[in-house]
C-alpha cells in the first residue's frame, strides 16, 4: 500500500491553504518538506516543524536526507504529503524513489525572470518546463496544476503547448 497521498510542488512549502485545505482534503497525518535552504537553517526548520496541526507531524529534510524517509513513507501506514519548491526537485525524487506515486500537483510558483505563466500564481522556467515535460510525457507521471483541490485544475495536456 502506498501512503504518499500527495506529491506537491509549492514554492511556499507550508502555508495556510496547505495546512487547512490540503490536510483536510487528503486526510494527511504527515508532511515531508524537501528543501535544502529550510532544512539547513535551524530556526526556519524549527518554525516549519512547529507549524503542524495537532496529531500531525512535519519533517524538513535536505534533498539528500529526504530520500530514505520518503522511501519509508511509501510503505508505512501514515497518509503523507511530500512538498518541495521547484519541479527540478520532483525529478530528483522520481529518479531516486522508484515507488513514488506517479502524480504531482503543481501549486503556486512565484514569477521569476524568464518564467512562463501557467495560470495565476503559477510560473515556470524553461528548465522546469523541460523537467515537467519529461515527467509527464516520458515517465508517465500525471502532472497537473492546481492551487488547492476545490479550485481549477489544468492537466499537463492542457498547458503543454502554451509552454512550448
Protein backbone atom coordinates (compact mmCIF):
# COMPACT_ATOMS: atom_id res chain seq x y z
CA UNK A 1 0.00 0.00 0.00
CA UNK A 2 1.33 3.43 -0.94
CA UNK A 3 0.52 6.12 1.58
CA UNK A 4 2.11 9.06 -0.13
CA UNK A 5 -1.22 10.77 -0.69
CA UNK A 6 0.14 13.86 -2.41
CA UNK A 7 3.35 14.91 -4.17
CA UNK A 8 3.21 18.70 -4.38
CA UNK A 9 5.30 21.50 -5.82
CA UNK A 10 4.59 24.74 -3.93
CA UNK A 11 7.18 27.46 -3.53
CA UNK A 12 5.63 28.47 -0.21
CA UNK A 13 6.02 24.89 1.08
CA UNK A 14 3.68 25.09 4.09
CA UNK A 15 1.14 27.88 4.46
CA UNK A 16 -2.49 28.45 5.45
CA UNK A 17 -4.09 26.76 2.40
CA UNK A 18 -1.77 23.81 2.79
CA UNK A 19 -2.43 23.32 6.45
CA UNK A 20 -6.19 23.63 6.20
CA UNK A 21 -7.48 22.67 2.77
CA UNK A 22 -4.88 20.13 1.63
CA UNK A 23 -4.52 18.44 5.01
CA UNK A 24 -8.27 18.03 5.34
CA UNK A 25 -8.89 17.01 1.72
CA UNK A 26 -6.17 14.35 1.65
CA UNK A 27 -6.56 13.41 5.35
CA UNK A 28 -2.86 13.95 5.89
CA UNK A 29 -1.06 12.98 9.09
CA UNK A 30 2.46 13.86 7.97
CA UNK A 31 4.16 16.35 5.70
CA UNK A 32 7.67 15.79 4.42
CA UNK A 33 9.25 19.06 3.30
CA UNK A 34 12.17 18.70 0.89
CA UNK A 35 14.15 21.93 0.76
CA UNK A 36 17.88 22.36 1.32
CA UNK A 37 17.63 26.01 2.44
CA UNK A 38 14.91 25.34 5.01
CA UNK A 39 16.49 22.12 6.28
CA UNK A 40 19.89 23.74 6.85
CA UNK A 41 18.55 26.81 8.67
CA UNK A 42 17.84 25.63 12.22
CA UNK A 43 15.42 28.45 13.03
CA UNK A 44 13.47 28.15 9.79
CA UNK A 45 13.37 24.37 10.13
CA UNK A 46 12.01 24.66 13.67
CA UNK A 47 9.31 27.14 12.54
CA UNK A 48 8.16 24.76 9.81
CA UNK A 49 8.16 21.70 12.07
CA UNK A 50 6.19 23.59 14.77
CA UNK A 51 3.53 24.58 12.20
CA UNK A 52 1.97 21.13 12.48
CA UNK A 53 -1.66 20.91 13.45
CA UNK A 54 -2.47 18.65 16.43
CA UNK A 55 -1.94 15.00 15.56
CA UNK A 56 0.26 15.81 12.59
CA UNK A 57 4.00 15.58 12.00
CA UNK A 58 6.08 17.84 9.78
CA UNK A 59 9.64 16.81 8.94
CA UNK A 60 12.04 19.01 6.99
CA UNK A 61 14.92 17.42 5.08
CA UNK A 62 17.56 18.27 2.55
CA UNK A 63 17.16 16.65 -0.86
CA UNK A 64 19.73 14.00 0.04
CA UNK A 65 18.39 13.27 3.52
CA UNK A 66 14.79 13.07 2.32
CA UNK A 67 15.25 10.03 0.08
CA UNK A 68 15.28 7.29 2.74
CA UNK A 69 12.48 8.97 4.71
CA UNK A 70 10.26 9.18 1.62
CA UNK A 71 11.05 5.57 0.70
CA UNK A 72 9.92 4.56 4.19
CA UNK A 73 6.77 6.71 3.91
CA UNK A 74 5.81 4.98 0.67
CA UNK A 75 5.22 1.73 2.58
CA UNK A 76 4.11 2.82 6.05
CA UNK A 77 0.56 3.48 7.22
CA UNK A 78 0.71 7.27 7.54
CA UNK A 79 -1.04 9.48 4.99
CA UNK A 80 1.77 11.76 3.80
CA UNK A 81 2.33 14.75 1.56
CA UNK A 82 5.77 15.35 0.07
CA UNK A 83 6.21 19.05 -0.74
CA UNK A 84 9.06 21.00 -2.36
CA UNK A 85 9.63 24.38 -4.01
CA UNK A 86 10.67 23.57 -7.58
CA UNK A 87 9.85 20.98 -10.28
CA UNK A 88 13.56 20.19 -10.53
CA UNK A 89 13.24 18.59 -7.08
CA UNK A 90 10.48 16.36 -8.45
CA UNK A 91 12.92 14.95 -10.99
CA UNK A 92 15.42 14.13 -8.24
CA UNK A 93 12.73 12.39 -6.20
CA UNK A 94 11.29 10.41 -9.13
CA UNK A 95 14.84 9.42 -10.16
CA UNK A 96 15.74 8.13 -6.70
CA UNK A 97 12.43 6.74 -5.40
CA UNK A 98 11.00 4.24 -7.89
CA UNK A 99 7.82 3.60 -5.88
CA UNK A 100 6.87 7.27 -5.53
CA UNK A 101 3.28 7.68 -6.76
CA UNK A 102 3.21 8.85 -10.36
CA UNK A 103 1.45 12.16 -9.81
CA UNK A 104 2.47 15.70 -8.98
CA UNK A 105 0.24 18.64 -8.09
CA UNK A 106 1.98 21.85 -9.08
CA UNK A 107 0.68 24.68 -6.92
CA UNK A 108 1.90 28.25 -6.60
CA UNK A 109 5.31 29.07 -8.07
CA UNK A 110 6.39 32.70 -7.98
CA UNK A 111 7.26 34.75 -11.03
CA UNK A 112 10.97 34.86 -11.74
CA UNK A 113 12.85 36.29 -14.72
CA UNK A 114 12.21 34.25 -17.86
CA UNK A 115 9.26 32.30 -16.48
CA UNK A 116 6.11 31.50 -18.43
CA UNK A 117 2.61 31.76 -16.98
CA UNK A 118 0.72 28.51 -16.45
CA UNK A 119 -2.12 30.13 -14.52
CA UNK A 120 -2.49 32.93 -11.98
CA UNK A 121 0.15 32.40 -9.31
CA UNK A 122 1.96 29.62 -11.18
CA UNK A 123 5.01 30.44 -13.30
CA UNK A 124 7.65 28.00 -14.57
CA UNK A 125 11.10 28.44 -16.06
CA UNK A 126 12.36 26.77 -19.24
CA UNK A 127 14.32 24.25 -17.14
CA UNK A 128 11.21 23.45 -15.08
CA UNK A 129 9.11 23.05 -18.25
CA UNK A 130 11.68 20.58 -19.55
CA UNK A 131 11.52 18.59 -16.29
CA UNK A 132 7.71 18.57 -16.21
CA UNK A 133 7.57 17.54 -19.88
CA UNK A 134 9.95 14.65 -19.22
CA UNK A 135 7.99 13.50 -16.17
CA UNK A 136 4.62 13.70 -17.96
CA UNK A 137 5.49 12.57 -21.47
CA UNK A 138 8.39 10.17 -20.99
CA UNK A 139 7.89 8.78 -17.50
CA UNK A 140 4.12 8.60 -17.20
CA UNK A 141 3.77 10.95 -14.24
CA UNK A 142 0.39 12.66 -14.01
CA UNK A 143 1.35 16.35 -13.89
CA UNK A 144 -1.38 18.85 -13.06
CA UNK A 145 -1.56 22.46 -11.92
CA UNK A 146 -3.91 23.31 -9.08
CA UNK A 147 -3.64 25.65 -6.12
CA UNK A 148 -5.98 23.60 -3.91
CA UNK A 149 -8.34 20.68 -4.63
CA UNK A 150 -11.53 22.73 -5.00
CA UNK A 151 -10.02 25.22 -7.48
CA UNK A 152 -9.48 24.94 -11.23
CA UNK A 153 -7.23 22.09 -12.33
CA UNK A 154 -5.17 22.16 -15.50
CA UNK A 155 -3.61 18.91 -16.68
CA UNK A 156 -0.26 18.84 -18.47
CA UNK A 157 -2.01 18.16 -21.80
CA UNK A 158 -3.99 21.40 -21.30
CA UNK A 159 -0.90 23.59 -20.92
CA UNK A 160 1.98 21.86 -22.68
CA UNK A 161 1.50 23.68 -26.00
CA UNK A 162 1.20 27.03 -24.23
CA UNK A 163 4.58 26.37 -22.58
CA UNK A 164 6.36 25.14 -25.74
